[in-house]
Amino acid sequence: MRYSTQVKPISYLKANAAEVLLQLNEQRQPMVITQNGEAKAVLQDVASYEETQETLALLKMLALGNQDIEAGRTRPLADVAQRLRSK
């Protein structure tokens, strides 16, 4: 995806807010908002935002799991399965 096609000045957002929201929901591509020629914000639809947050949460869990493995904080699967069955 090329963000250069989705760059709009803040004045465009102010004048076309409803249209921008519709476009964000339909295209599901983020829009970069500029102010004085500099990128200042990124707008995205709620569904894409939620997907991003879920993906980040999964990546964080993977990273924490890798840290546990590197630190030796692991248990054999048989031990874990037996513990779960006993509960």
PDB file of N, CA and C in Angstrom:
ATOM      1  N   MET A   1       0.855  -1.174   0.000  1.00  0.00           N
ATOM      2  CA  MET A   1       0.000   0.000   0.000  1.00  0.00           C
ATOM      3  C   MET A   1       0.898   1.234   0.000  1.00  0.00           C
ATOM      4  N   ARG A   2       0.546   2.164  -0.824  1.00  0.00           N
ATOM      5  CA  ARG A   2       1.306   3.411  -0.897  1.00  0.00           C
ATOM      6  C   ARG A   2       0.555   4.503  -0.146  1.00  0.00           C
ATOM      7  N   TYR A   3       1.209   5.010   0.901  1.00  0.00           N
ATOM      8  CA  TYR A   3       0.577   6.070   1.682  1.00  0.00           C
ATOM      9  C   TYR A   3       0.538   7.387   0.928  1.00  0.00           C
ATOM     10  N   SER A   4       1.387   7.529  -0.083  1.00  0.00           N
ATOM     11  CA  SER A   4       1.439   8.794  -0.815  1.00  0.00           C
ATOM     12  C   SER A   4       0.124   9.105  -1.515  1.00  0.00           C
ATOM     13  N   THR A   5      -0.674   8.086  -1.808  1.00  0.00           N
ATOM     14  CA  THR A   5      -1.976   8.330  -2.442  1.00  0.00           C
ATOM     15  C   THR A   5      -3.038   8.698  -1.420  1.00  0.00           C
ATOM     16  N   GLN A   6      -2.729   8.523  -0.165  1.00  0.00           N
ATOM     17  CA  GLN A   6      -3.689   8.783   0.899  1.00  0.00           C
ATOM     18  C   GLN A   6      -3.227   9.921   1.810  1.00  0.00           C
ATOM     19  N   VAL A   7      -2.568  10.898   1.269  1.00  0.00           N
ATOM     20  CA  VAL A   7      -2.089  12.044   2.047  1.00  0.00           C
ATOM     21  C   VAL A   7      -2.982  13.238   1.745  1.00  0.00           C
ATOM     22  N   LYS A   8      -3.537  13.819   2.801  1.00  0.00           N
ATOM     23  CA  LYS A   8      -4.423  14.967   2.644  1.00  0.00           C
ATOM     24  C   LYS A   8      -4.057  16.032   3.666  1.00  0.00           C
ATOM     25  N   PRO A   9      -4.188  17.299   3.292  1.00  0.00           N
ATOM     26  CA  PRO A   9      -3.943  18.370   4.261  1.00  0.00           C
ATOM     27  C   PRO A   9      -5.102  18.457   5.254  1.00  0.00           C
ATOM     28  N   ILE A  10      -4.832  19.036   6.385  1.00  0.00           N
ATOM     29  CA  ILE A  10      -5.853  19.155   7.422  1.00  0.00           C
ATOM     30  C   ILE A  10      -7.055  19.976   6.932  1.00  0.00           C
ATOM     31  N   SER A  11      -6.814  20.908   6.035  1.00  0.00           N
ATOM     32  CA  SER A  11      -7.925  21.708   5.499  1.00  0.00           C
ATOM     33  C   SER A  11      -8.903  20.815   4.723  1.00  0.00           C
ATOM     34  N   TYR A  12      -8.391  19.797   4.040  1.00  0.00           N
ATOM     35  CA  TYR A  12      -9.259  18.854   3.326  1.00  0.00           C
ATOM     36  C   TYR A  12     -10.106  18.073   4.327  1.00  0.00           C
ATOM     37  N   LEU A  13      -9.492  17.654   5.413  1.00  0.00           N
ATOM     38  CA  LEU A  13     -10.231  16.929   6.453  1.00  0.00           C
ATOM     39  C   LEU A  13     -11.331  17.807   7.045  1.00  0.00           C
ATOM     40  N   LYS A  14     -11.010  19.055   7.325  1.00  0.00           N
ATOM     41  CA  LYS A  14     -12.001  19.969   7.901  1.00  0.00           C
ATOM     42  C   LYS A  14     -13.179  20.188   6.962  1.00  0.00           C
ATOM     43  N   ALA A  15     -12.905  20.324   5.683  1.00  0.00           N
ATOM     44  CA  ALA A  15     -13.954  20.612   4.706  1.00  0.00           C
ATOM     45  C   ALA A  15     -14.730  19.373   4.279  1.00  0.00           C
ATOM     46  N   ASN A  16     -14.145  18.184   4.453  1.00  0.00           N
ATOM     47  CA  ASN A  16     -14.767  16.961   3.927  1.00  0.00           C
ATOM     48  C   ASN A  16     -14.794  15.833   4.949  1.00  0.00           C
ATOM     49  N   ALA A  17     -15.030  16.146   6.201  1.00  0.00           N
ATOM     50  CA  ALA A  17     -14.938  15.145   7.267  1.00  0.00           C
ATOM     51  C   ALA A  17     -15.840  13.938   7.015  1.00  0.00           C
ATOM     52  N   ALA A  18     -17.099  14.184   6.656  1.00  0.00           N
ATOM     53  CA  ALA A  18     -18.030  13.072   6.438  1.00  0.00           C
ATOM     54  C   ALA A  18     -17.566  12.191   5.281  1.00  0.00           C
ATOM     55  N   GLU A  19     -17.098  12.803   4.217  1.00  0.00           N
ATOM     56  CA  GLU A  19     -16.606  12.058   3.058  1.00  0.00           C
ATOM     57  C   GLU A  19     -15.352  11.257   3.415  1.00  0.00           C
ATOM     58  N   VAL A  20     -14.476  11.847   4.203  1.00  0.00           N
ATOM     59  CA  VAL A  20     -13.261  11.157   4.627  1.00  0.00           C
ATOM     60  C   VAL A  20     -13.609   9.922   5.438  1.00  0.00           C
ATOM     61  N   LEU A  21     -14.547  10.054   6.375  1.00  0.00           N
ATOM     62  CA  LEU A  21     -14.957   8.913   7.186  1.00  0.00           C
ATOM     63  C   LEU A  21     -15.563   7.802   6.336  1.00  0.00           C
ATOM     64  N   LEU A  22     -16.375   8.182   5.370  1.00  0.00           N
ATOM     65  CA  LEU A  22     -16.966   7.206   4.465  1.00  0.00           C
ATOM     66  C   LEU A  22     -15.862   6.488   3.678  1.00  0.00           C
ATOM     67  N   GLN A  23     -14.921   7.235   3.169  1.00  0.00           N
ATOM     68  CA  GLN A  23     -13.816   6.672   2.404  1.00  0.00           C
ATOM     69  C   GLN A  23     -12.971   5.725   3.260  1.00  0.00           C
ATOM     70  N   LEU A  24     -12.707   6.118   4.485  1.00  0.00           N
ATOM     71  CA  LEU A  24     -11.925   5.267   5.386  1.00  0.00           C
ATOM     72  C   LEU A  24     -12.626   3.935   5.623  1.00  0.00           C
ATOM     73  N   ASN A  25     -13.931   3.983   5.832  1.00  0.00           N
ATOM     74  CA  ASN A  25     -14.688   2.758   6.083  1.00  0.00           C
ATOM     75  C   ASN A  25     -14.800   1.882   4.852  1.00  0.00           C
ATOM     76  N   GLU A  26     -14.926   2.486   3.696  1.00  0.00           N
ATOM     77  CA  GLU A  26     -15.074   1.705   2.466  1.00  0.00           C
ATOM     78  C   GLU A  26     -13.751   1.111   2.009  1.00  0.00           C
ATOM     79  N   GLN A  27     -12.694   1.902   2.003  1.00  0.00           N
ATOM     80  CA  GLN A  27     -11.412   1.466   1.465  1.00  0.00           C
ATOM     81  C   GLN A  27     -10.540   0.750   2.486  1.00  0.00           C
ATOM     82  N   ARG A  28     -10.783   1.018   3.765  1.00  0.00           N
ATOM     83  CA  ARG A  28     -10.016   0.423   4.858  1.00  0.00           C
ATOM     84  C   ARG A  28      -8.522   0.639   4.683  1.00  0.00           C
ATOM     85  N   GLN A  29      -8.164   1.827   4.215  1.00  0.00           N
ATOM     86  CA  GLN A  29      -6.767   2.226   4.099  1.00  0.00           C
ATOM     87  C   GLN A  29      -6.563   3.482   4.942  1.00  0.00           C
ATOM     88  N   PRO A  30      -5.476   3.553   5.672  1.00  0.00           N
ATOM     89  CA  PRO A  30      -5.235   4.734   6.497  1.00  0.00           C
ATOM     90  C   PRO A  30      -4.991   5.978   5.645  1.00  0.00           C
ATOM     91  N   MET A  31      -5.255   7.114   6.238  1.00  0.00           N
ATOM     92  CA  MET A  31      -5.047   8.393   5.567  1.00  0.00           C
ATOM     93  C   MET A  31      -4.092   9.227   6.422  1.00  0.00           C
ATOM     94  N   VAL A  32      -3.073   9.760   5.788  1.00  0.00           N
ATOM     95  CA  VAL A  32      -2.107  10.613   6.480  1.00  0.00           C
ATOM     96  C   VAL A  32      -2.586  12.058   6.366  1.00  0.00           C
ATOM     97  N   ILE A  33      -2.677  12.730   7.492  1.00  0.00           N
ATOM     98  CA  ILE A  33      -3.110  14.128   7.533  1.00  0.00           C
ATOM     99  C   ILE A  33      -1.882  15.002   7.767  1.00  0.00           C
ATOM    100  N   THR A  34      -1.742  16.012   6.921  1.00  0.00           N
ATOM    101  CA  THR A  34      -0.600  16.908   7.047  1.00  0.00           C
ATOM    102  C   THR A  34      -1.034  18.263   7.583  1.00  0.00           C
ATOM    103  N   GLN A  35      -0.094  18.939   8.208  1.00  0.00           N
ATOM    104  CA  GLN A  35      -0.301  20.310   8.687  1.00  0.00           C
ATOM    105  C   GLN A  35       0.980  21.070   8.362  1.00  0.00           C
ATOM    106  N   ASN A  36       0.834  22.153   7.641  1.00  0.00           N
ATOM    107  CA  ASN A  36       1.990  22.935   7.186  1.00  0.00           C
ATOM    108  C   ASN A  36       2.992  22.060   6.423  1.00  0.00           C
ATOM    109  N   GLY A  37       2.458  21.136   5.647  1.00  0.00           N
ATOM    110  CA  GLY A  37       3.296  20.294   4.806  1.00  0.00           C
ATOM    111  C   GLY A  37       3.966  19.120   5.488  1.00  0.00           C
ATOM    112  N   GLU A  38       3.737  18.947   6.775  1.00  0.00           N
ATOM    113  CA  GLU A  38       4.347  17.849   7.521  1.00  0.00           C
ATOM    114  C   GLU A  38       3.286  16.861   7.971  1.00  0.00           C
ATOM    115  N   ALA A  39       3.589  15.575   7.886  1.00  0.00           N
ATOM    116  CA  ALA A  39       2.671  14.545   8.367  1.00  0.00           C
ATOM    117  C   ALA A  39       2.492  14.710   9.874  1.00  0.00           C
ATOM    118  N   LYS A  40       1.233  14.791  10.313  1.00  0.00           N
ATOM    119  CA  LYS A  40       0.957  15.014  11.739  1.00  0.00           C
ATOM    120  C   LYS A  40       0.097  13.917  12.355  1.00  0.00           C
ATOM    121  N   ALA A  41      -0.709  13.222  11.529  1.00  0.00           N
ATOM    122  CA  ALA A  41      -1.612  12.211  12.089  1.00  0.00           C
ATOM    123  C   ALA A  41      -1.956  11.186  11.024  1.00  0.00           C
ATOM    124  N   VAL A  42      -2.390  10.030  11.497  1.00  0.00           N
ATOM    125  CA  VAL A  42      -2.886   8.988  10.611  1.00  0.00           C
ATOM    126  C   VAL A  42      -4.284   8.620  11.076  1.00  0.00           C
ATOM    127  N   LEU A  43      -5.222   8.637  10.144  1.00  0.00           N
ATOM    128  CA  LEU A  43      -6.597   8.253  10.441  1.00  0.00           C
ATOM    129  C   LEU A  43      -6.861   6.884   9.844  1.00  0.00           C
ATOM    130  N   GLN A  44      -7.594   6.052  10.582  1.00  0.00           N
ATOM    131  CA  GLN A  44      -7.989   4.764  10.038  1.00  0.00           C
ATOM    132  C   GLN A  44      -9.362   4.394  10.587  1.00  0.00           C
ATOM    133  N   ASP A  45     -10.031   3.483   9.882  1.00  0.00           N
ATOM    134  CA  ASP A  45     -11.355   3.066  10.331  1.00  0.00           C
ATOM    135  C   ASP A  45     -11.230   2.216  11.593  1.00  0.00           C
ATOM    136  N   VAL A  46     -12.314   2.104  12.326  1.00  0.00           N
ATOM    137  CA  VAL A  46     -12.304   1.426  13.615  1.00  0.00           C
ATOM    138  C   VAL A  46     -11.983  -0.061  13.470  1.00  0.00           C
ATOM    139  N   ALA A  47     -12.534  -0.717  12.463  1.00  0.00           N
ATOM    140  CA  ALA A  47     -12.279  -2.149  12.284  1.00  0.00           C
ATOM    141  C   ALA A  47     -10.791  -2.404  12.054  1.00  0.00           C
ATOM    142  N   SER A  48     -10.152  -1.604  11.246  1.00  0.00           N
ATOM    143  CA  SER A  48      -8.718  -1.762  11.008  1.00  0.00           C
ATOM    144  C   SER A  48      -7.925  -1.488  12.276  1.00  0.00           C
ATOM    145  N   TYR A  49      -8.343  -0.489  13.033  1.00  0.00           N
ATOM    146  CA  TYR A  49      -7.669  -0.174  14.297  1.00  0.00           C
ATOM    147  C   TYR A  49      -7.759  -1.352  15.264  1.00  0.00           C
ATOM    148  N   GLU A  50      -8.951  -1.931  15.379  1.00  0.00           N
ATOM    149  CA  GLU A  50      -9.141  -3.075  16.274  1.00  0.00           C
ATOM    150  C   GLU A  50      -8.288  -4.260  15.827  1.00  0.00           C
ATOM    151  N   GLU A  51      -8.224  -4.513  14.531  1.00  0.00           N
ATOM    152  CA  GLU A  51      -7.387  -5.597  14.015  1.00  0.00           C
ATOM    153  C   GLU A  51      -5.914  -5.345  14.339  1.00  0.00           C
ATOM    154  N   THR A  52      -5.491  -4.114  14.209  1.00  0.00           N
ATOM    155  CA  THR A  52      -4.109  -3.754  14.520  1.00  0.00           C
ATOM    156  C   THR A  52      -3.811  -4.002  15.993  1.00  0.00           C
ATOM    157  N   GLN A  53      -4.733  -3.608  16.859  1.00  0.00           N
ATOM    158  CA  GLN A  53      -4.536  -3.798  18.293  1.00  0.00           C
ATOM    159  C   GLN A  53      -4.484  -5.278  18.652  1.00  0.00           C
ATOM    160  N   GLU A  54      -5.340  -6.096  18.036  1.00  0.00           N
ATOM    161  CA  GLU A  54      -5.320  -7.538  18.284  1.00  0.00           C
ATOM    162  C   GLU A  54      -4.007  -8.146  17.809  1.00  0.00           C
ATOM    163  N   THR A  55      -3.530  -7.717  16.655  1.00  0.00           N
ATOM    164  CA  THR A  55      -2.270  -8.216  16.122  1.00  0.00           C
ATOM    165  C   THR A  55      -1.119  -7.847  17.051  1.00  0.00           C
ATOM    166  N   LEU A  56      -1.112  -6.610  17.533  1.00  0.00           N
ATOM    167  CA  LEU A  56      -0.061  -6.178  18.460  1.00  0.00           C
ATOM    168  C   LEU A  56      -0.100  -6.985  19.760  1.00  0.00           C
ATOM    169  N   ALA A  57      -1.301  -7.293  20.244  1.00  0.00           N
ATOM    170  CA  ALA A  57      -1.429  -8.085  21.466  1.00  0.00           C
ATOM    171  C   ALA A  57      -0.865  -9.491  21.260  1.00  0.00           C
ATOM    172  N   LEU A  58      -1.165 -10.093  20.110  1.00  0.00           N
ATOM    173  CA  LEU A  58      -0.619 -11.423  19.810  1.00  0.00           C
ATOM    174  C   LEU A  58       0.903 -11.389  19.696  1.00  0.00           C
ATOM    175  N   LEU A  59       1.414 -10.364  19.028  1.00  0.00           N
ATOM    176  CA  LEU A  59       2.868 -10.235  18.901  1.00  0.00           C
ATOM    177  C   LEU A  59       3.532 -10.045  20.265  1.00  0.00           C
ATOM    178  N   LYS A  60       2.871  -9.314  21.150  1.00  0.00           N
ATOM    179  CA  LYS A  60       3.410  -9.113  22.493  1.00  0.00           C
ATOM    180  C   LYS A  60       3.450 -10.437  23.249  1.00  0.00           C
ATOM    181  N   MET A  61       2.378 -11.250  23.112  1.00  0.00           N
ATOM    182  CA  MET A  61       2.371 -12.559  23.771  1.00  0.00           C
ATOM    183  C   MET A  61       3.485 -13.453  23.239  1.00  0.00           C
ATOM    184  N   LEU A  62       3.712 -13.412  21.920  1.00  0.00           N
ATOM    185  CA  LEU A  62       4.804 -14.188  21.341  1.00  0.00           C
ATOM    186  C   LEU A  62       6.152 -13.730  21.881  1.00  0.00           C
ATOM    187  N   ALA A  63       6.342 -12.432  21.970  1.00  0.00           N
ATOM    188  CA  ALA A  63       7.597 -11.888  22.478  1.00  0.00           C
ATOM    189  C   ALA A  63       7.813 -12.291  23.938  1.00  0.00           C
ATOM    190  N   LEU A  64       6.752 -12.239  24.739  1.00  0.00           N
ATOM    191  CA  LEU A  64       6.865 -12.648  26.143  1.00  0.00           C
ATOM    192  C   LEU A  64       7.178 -14.137  26.241  1.00  0.00           C
ATOM    193  N   GLY A  65       6.562 -14.937  25.373  1.00  0.00           N
ATOM    194  CA  GLY A  65       6.848 -16.370  25.347  1.00  0.00           C
ATOM    195  C   GLY A  65       8.300 -16.640  24.978  1.00  0.00           C
ATOM    196  N   ASN A  66       8.809 -15.913  24.002  1.00  0.00           N
ATOM    197  CA  ASN A  66      10.216 -16.065  23.614  1.00  0.00           C
ATOM    198  C   ASN A  66      11.155 -15.672  24.755  1.00  0.00           C
ATOM    199  N   GLN A  67      10.783 -14.628  25.496  1.00  0.00           N
ATOM    200  CA  GLN A  67      11.596 -14.223  26.644  1.00  0.00           C
ATOM    201  C   GLN A  67      11.614 -15.322  27.702  1.00  0.00           C
ATOM    202  N   ASP A  68      10.452 -15.951  27.943  1.00  0.00           N
ATOM    203  CA  ASP A  68      10.389 -17.053  28.907  1.00  0.00           C
ATOM    204  C   ASP A  68      11.268 -18.214  28.463  1.00  0.00           C
ATOM    205  N   ILE A  69      11.237 -18.535  27.170  1.00  0.00           N
ATOM    206  CA  ILE A  69      12.068 -19.632  26.648  1.00  0.00           C
ATOM    207  C   ILE A  69      13.543 -19.306  26.844  1.00  0.00           C
ATOM    208  N   GLU A  70      13.939 -18.087  26.485  1.00  0.00           N
ATOM    209  CA  GLU A  70      15.337 -17.687  26.627  1.00  0.00           C
ATOM    210  C   GLU A  70      15.793 -17.696  28.085  1.00  0.00           C
ATOM    211  N   ALA A  71      14.865 -17.395  29.002  1.00  0.00           N
ATOM    212  CA  ALA A  71      15.202 -17.357  30.423  1.00  0.00           C
ATOM    213  C   ALA A  71      15.070 -18.736  31.074  1.00  0.00           C
ATOM    214  N   GLY A  72      14.664 -19.732  30.294  1.00  0.00           N
ATOM    215  CA  GLY A  72      14.542 -21.082  30.836  1.00  0.00           C
ATOM    216  C   GLY A  72      13.292 -21.319  31.648  1.00  0.00           C
ATOM    217  N   ARG A  73      12.327 -20.454  31.516  1.00  0.00           N
ATOM    218  CA  ARG A  73      11.074 -20.617  32.265  1.00  0.00           C
ATOM    219  C   ARG A  73      10.095 -21.459  31.434  1.00  0.00           C
ATOM    220  N   THR A  74      10.409 -22.732  31.311  1.00  0.00           N
ATOM    221  CA  THR A  74       9.563 -23.652  30.547  1.00  0.00           C
ATOM    222  C   THR A  74       9.316 -24.914  31.366  1.00  0.00           C
ATOM    223  N   ARG A  75       8.285 -25.662  30.967  1.00  0.00           N
ATOM    224  CA  ARG A  75       7.960 -26.937  31.595  1.00  0.00           C
ATOM    225  C   ARG A  75       7.637 -27.938  30.502  1.00  0.00           C
ATOM    226  N   PRO A  76       7.900 -29.186  30.743  1.00  0.00           N
ATOM    227  CA  PRO A  76       7.536 -30.200  29.759  1.00  0.00           C
ATOM    228  C   PRO A  76       6.015 -30.257  29.568  1.00  0.00           C
ATOM    229  N   LEU A  77       5.596 -30.514  28.347  1.00  0.00           N
ATOM    230  CA  LEU A  77       4.171 -30.562  28.024  1.00  0.00           C
ATOM    231  C   LEU A  77       3.438 -31.584  28.878  1.00  0.00           C
ATOM    232  N   ALA A  78       4.032 -32.730  29.117  1.00  0.00           N
ATOM    233  CA  ALA A  78       3.374 -33.782  29.909  1.00  0.00           C
ATOM    234  C   ALA A  78       3.055 -33.280  31.312  1.00  0.00           C
ATOM    235  N   ASP A  79       3.969 -32.512  31.905  1.00  0.00           N
ATOM    236  CA  ASP A  79       3.734 -31.966  33.249  1.00  0.00           C
ATOM    237  C   ASP A  79       2.577 -30.989  33.249  1.00  0.00           C
ATOM    238  N   VAL A  80       2.533 -30.145  32.259  1.00  0.00           N
ATOM    239  CA  VAL A  80       1.451 -29.144  32.162  1.00  0.00           C
ATOM    240  C   VAL A  80       0.116 -29.842  31.950  1.00  0.00           C
ATOM    241  N   ALA A  81       0.077 -30.826  31.053  1.00  0.00           N
ATOM    242  CA  ALA A  81      -1.169 -31.549  30.767  1.00  0.00           C
ATOM    243  C   ALA A  81      -1.660 -32.273  32.010  1.00  0.00           C
ATOM    244  N   GLN A  82      -0.759 -32.904  32.750  1.00  0.00           N
ATOM    245  CA  GLN A  82      -1.151 -33.607  33.973  1.00  0.00           C
ATOM    246  C   GLN A  82      -1.711 -32.640  35.004  1.00  0.00           C
ATOM    247  N   ARG A  83      -1.081 -31.485  35.125  1.00  0.00           N
ATOM    248  CA  ARG A  83      -1.549 -30.463  36.086  1.00  0.00           C
ATOM    249  C   ARG A  83      -2.942 -29.975  35.710  1.00  0.00           C
ATOM    250  N   LEU A  84      -3.187 -29.763  34.444  1.00  0.00           N
ATOM    251  CA  LEU A  84      -4.506 -29.311  34.003  1.00  0.00           C
ATOM    252  C   LEU A  84      -5.570 -30.377  34.222  1.00  0.00           C
ATOM    253  N   ARG A  85      -5.236 -31.632  34.008  1.00  0.00           N
ATOM    254  CA  ARG A  85      -6.203 -32.718  34.214  1.00  0.00           C
ATOM    255  C   ARG A  85      -6.562 -32.885  35.681  1.00  0.00           C
ATOM    256  N   SER A  86      -5.624 -32.591  36.560  1.00  0.00           N
ATOM    257  CA  SER A  86      -5.860 -32.784  37.984  1.00  0.00           C
ATOM    258  C   SER A  86      -6.756 -31.707  38.591  1.00  0.00           C
ATOM    259  N   LYS A  87      -6.975 -30.639  37.875  1.00  0.00           N
ATOM    260  CA  LYS A  87      -7.806 -29.533  38.391  1.00  0.00           C
ATOM    261  C   LYS A  87      -9.264 -29.801  38.183  1.00  0.00           C
TER     262      LYS A  87
END
